[in-house]
Structures are given as structure tokens and as C-alpha cells.
């Protein structure tokens, strides 16, 4: 599962539970995840130039 890999890398936090008797998973991006994403965007911008 890709979300598990992102969680293991410290990029996101997964919270699993129930909402109205249905399984519910929420995902929150961490500061590390934001920084990594911004670096990725900059690398893509440099590649496009």
C-alpha cells in the first residue's frame, strides 16, 4: 500500500477509525512531507526548463 510507505517515510500520518459504522481513514501531511513535496516540485521545474 502506497500510504503505508509514505507513513513509514514520515511524510504523512494515518488515522484509522469508524465514522457512522463505516471504516474511515484520514490522512494528514507532515512538515517533512510538505518539505519533500516542495523539493520535488522544484526538481520538476528545473527538469522542465
N, C-alpha and C. Protein backbone atom coordinates (compact mmCIF):
# COMPACT_ATOMS: atom_id res chain seq x y z
N UNK A 1 0.84 -1.18 0.00
CA UNK A 1 0.00 0.00 0.00
C UNK A 1 0.89 1.24 0.00
N UNK A 2 0.62 2.17 -0.88
CA UNK A 2 1.44 3.37 -1.01
C UNK A 2 1.35 4.28 0.21
N UNK A 3 0.18 4.38 0.82
CA UNK A 3 0.04 5.23 2.00
C UNK A 3 0.92 4.74 3.14
N UNK A 4 1.04 3.45 3.29
CA UNK A 4 1.88 2.90 4.35
C UNK A 4 3.35 3.29 4.13
N UNK A 5 3.79 3.27 2.89
CA UNK A 5 5.17 3.66 2.58
C UNK A 5 5.40 5.13 2.90
N UNK A 6 4.42 5.98 2.58
CA UNK A 6 4.53 7.41 2.89
C UNK A 6 4.54 7.64 4.40
N UNK A 7 3.76 6.86 5.12
CA UNK A 7 3.74 6.96 6.57
C UNK A 7 5.08 6.52 7.16
N UNK A 8 5.63 5.43 6.66
CA UNK A 8 6.92 4.93 7.15
C UNK A 8 8.03 5.94 6.89
N UNK A 9 7.92 6.71 5.80
CA UNK A 9 8.92 7.73 5.47
C UNK A 9 8.73 9.00 6.31
N UNK A 10 7.61 9.08 7.04
CA UNK A 10 7.35 10.26 7.87
C UNK A 10 6.69 11.40 7.12
N UNK A 11 6.17 11.13 5.93
CA UNK A 11 5.55 12.18 5.11
C UNK A 11 4.09 12.43 5.47
N UNK A 12 3.42 11.42 6.01
CA UNK A 12 2.01 11.55 6.37
C UNK A 12 1.74 10.85 7.69
N UNK A 13 0.58 11.16 8.27
CA UNK A 13 0.09 10.47 9.46
C UNK A 13 -1.26 9.87 9.09
N UNK A 14 -1.42 8.58 9.29
CA UNK A 14 -2.68 7.89 9.02
C UNK A 14 -3.43 7.70 10.33
N UNK A 15 -4.73 7.97 10.29
CA UNK A 15 -5.59 7.72 11.45
C UNK A 15 -6.76 6.89 10.96
N UNK A 16 -6.89 5.69 11.53
CA UNK A 16 -7.97 4.79 11.13
C UNK A 16 -8.98 4.68 12.25
N UNK A 17 -10.24 4.62 11.86
CA UNK A 17 -11.29 4.50 12.86
C UNK A 17 -12.61 4.22 12.16
N UNK A 18 -13.69 4.58 12.83
CA UNK A 18 -15.02 4.36 12.28
C UNK A 18 -15.79 5.67 12.27
N UNK A 19 -16.59 5.86 11.24
CA UNK A 19 -17.45 7.03 11.11
C UNK A 19 -18.81 6.52 10.66
N UNK A 20 -19.81 6.68 11.51
CA UNK A 20 -21.16 6.18 11.21
C UNK A 20 -21.14 4.69 10.86
N UNK A 21 -20.43 3.92 11.65
CA UNK A 21 -20.32 2.46 11.48
C UNK A 21 -19.60 2.02 10.21
N UNK A 22 -18.88 2.90 9.57
CA UNK A 22 -18.07 2.56 8.40
C UNK A 22 -16.61 2.83 8.71
N UNK A 23 -15.75 2.01 8.16
CA UNK A 23 -14.32 2.27 8.34
C UNK A 23 -13.98 3.61 7.72
N UNK A 24 -13.13 4.36 8.41
CA UNK A 24 -12.75 5.69 7.95
C UNK A 24 -11.26 5.87 8.16
N UNK A 25 -10.57 6.33 7.13
CA UNK A 25 -9.14 6.61 7.22
C UNK A 25 -8.91 8.07 6.87
N UNK A 26 -8.26 8.80 7.77
CA UNK A 26 -7.90 10.18 7.46
C UNK A 26 -6.38 10.25 7.29
N UNK A 27 -5.95 11.15 6.44
CA UNK A 27 -4.53 11.30 6.12
C UNK A 27 -4.15 12.76 6.34
N UNK A 28 -3.07 12.96 7.06
CA UNK A 28 -2.58 14.31 7.32
C UNK A 28 -1.12 14.39 6.88
N UNK A 29 -0.78 15.40 6.11
CA UNK A 29 0.60 15.56 5.66
C UNK A 29 1.41 16.20 6.79
N UNK A 30 2.64 15.76 6.95
CA UNK A 30 3.52 16.29 7.99
C UNK A 30 4.39 17.40 7.41
N UNK A 31 5.10 18.10 8.27
CA UNK A 31 6.05 19.13 7.83
C UNK A 31 7.11 18.49 6.93
N UNK A 32 7.57 17.31 7.29
CA UNK A 32 8.54 16.60 6.46
C UNK A 32 7.96 16.30 5.08
N UNK A 33 6.69 15.92 5.04
CA UNK A 33 6.02 15.64 3.77
C UNK A 33 5.89 16.88 2.91
N UNK A 34 5.55 17.99 3.53
CA UNK A 34 5.43 19.26 2.80
C UNK A 34 6.78 19.65 2.22
N UNK A 35 7.82 19.56 3.03
CA UNK A 35 9.17 19.91 2.56
C UNK A 35 9.60 19.02 1.40
N UNK A 36 9.34 17.72 1.51
CA UNK A 36 9.72 16.79 0.44
C UNK A 36 8.95 17.09 -0.83
N UNK A 37 7.67 17.41 -0.70
CA UNK A 37 6.86 17.72 -1.88
C UNK A 37 7.36 18.99 -2.55
N UNK A 38 7.69 20.02 -1.76
CA UNK A 38 8.21 21.27 -2.32
C UNK A 38 9.54 21.04 -3.05
N UNK A 39 10.40 20.20 -2.50
CA UNK A 39 11.66 19.86 -3.18
C UNK A 39 11.38 19.14 -4.50
N UNK A 40 10.41 18.24 -4.49
CA UNK A 40 10.02 17.51 -5.71
C UNK A 40 9.52 18.47 -6.77
N UNK A 41 8.67 19.42 -6.39
CA UNK A 41 8.14 20.40 -7.34
C UNK A 41 9.27 21.23 -7.94
N UNK A 42 10.21 21.65 -7.11
CA UNK A 42 11.35 22.43 -7.61
C UNK A 42 12.19 21.60 -8.58
N UNK A 43 12.40 20.33 -8.29
CA UNK A 43 13.17 19.46 -9.18
C UNK A 43 12.46 19.31 -10.52
N UNK A 44 11.14 19.17 -10.51
CA UNK A 44 10.37 19.07 -11.75
C UNK A 44 10.47 20.37 -12.55
N UNK A 45 10.39 21.51 -11.86
CA UNK A 45 10.52 22.81 -12.54
C UNK A 45 11.87 22.92 -13.23
N UNK A 46 12.93 22.49 -12.56
CA UNK A 46 14.27 22.55 -13.14
C UNK A 46 14.38 21.60 -14.34
N UNK A 47 13.76 20.47 -14.25
CA UNK A 47 13.78 19.50 -15.34
C UNK A 47 13.07 20.05 -16.58
N UNK A 48 11.96 20.73 -16.36
CA UNK A 48 11.17 21.28 -17.47
C UNK A 48 11.93 22.39 -18.19
N UNK A 49 12.70 23.18 -17.44
CA UNK A 49 13.45 24.29 -18.06
C UNK A 49 14.46 23.74 -18.96
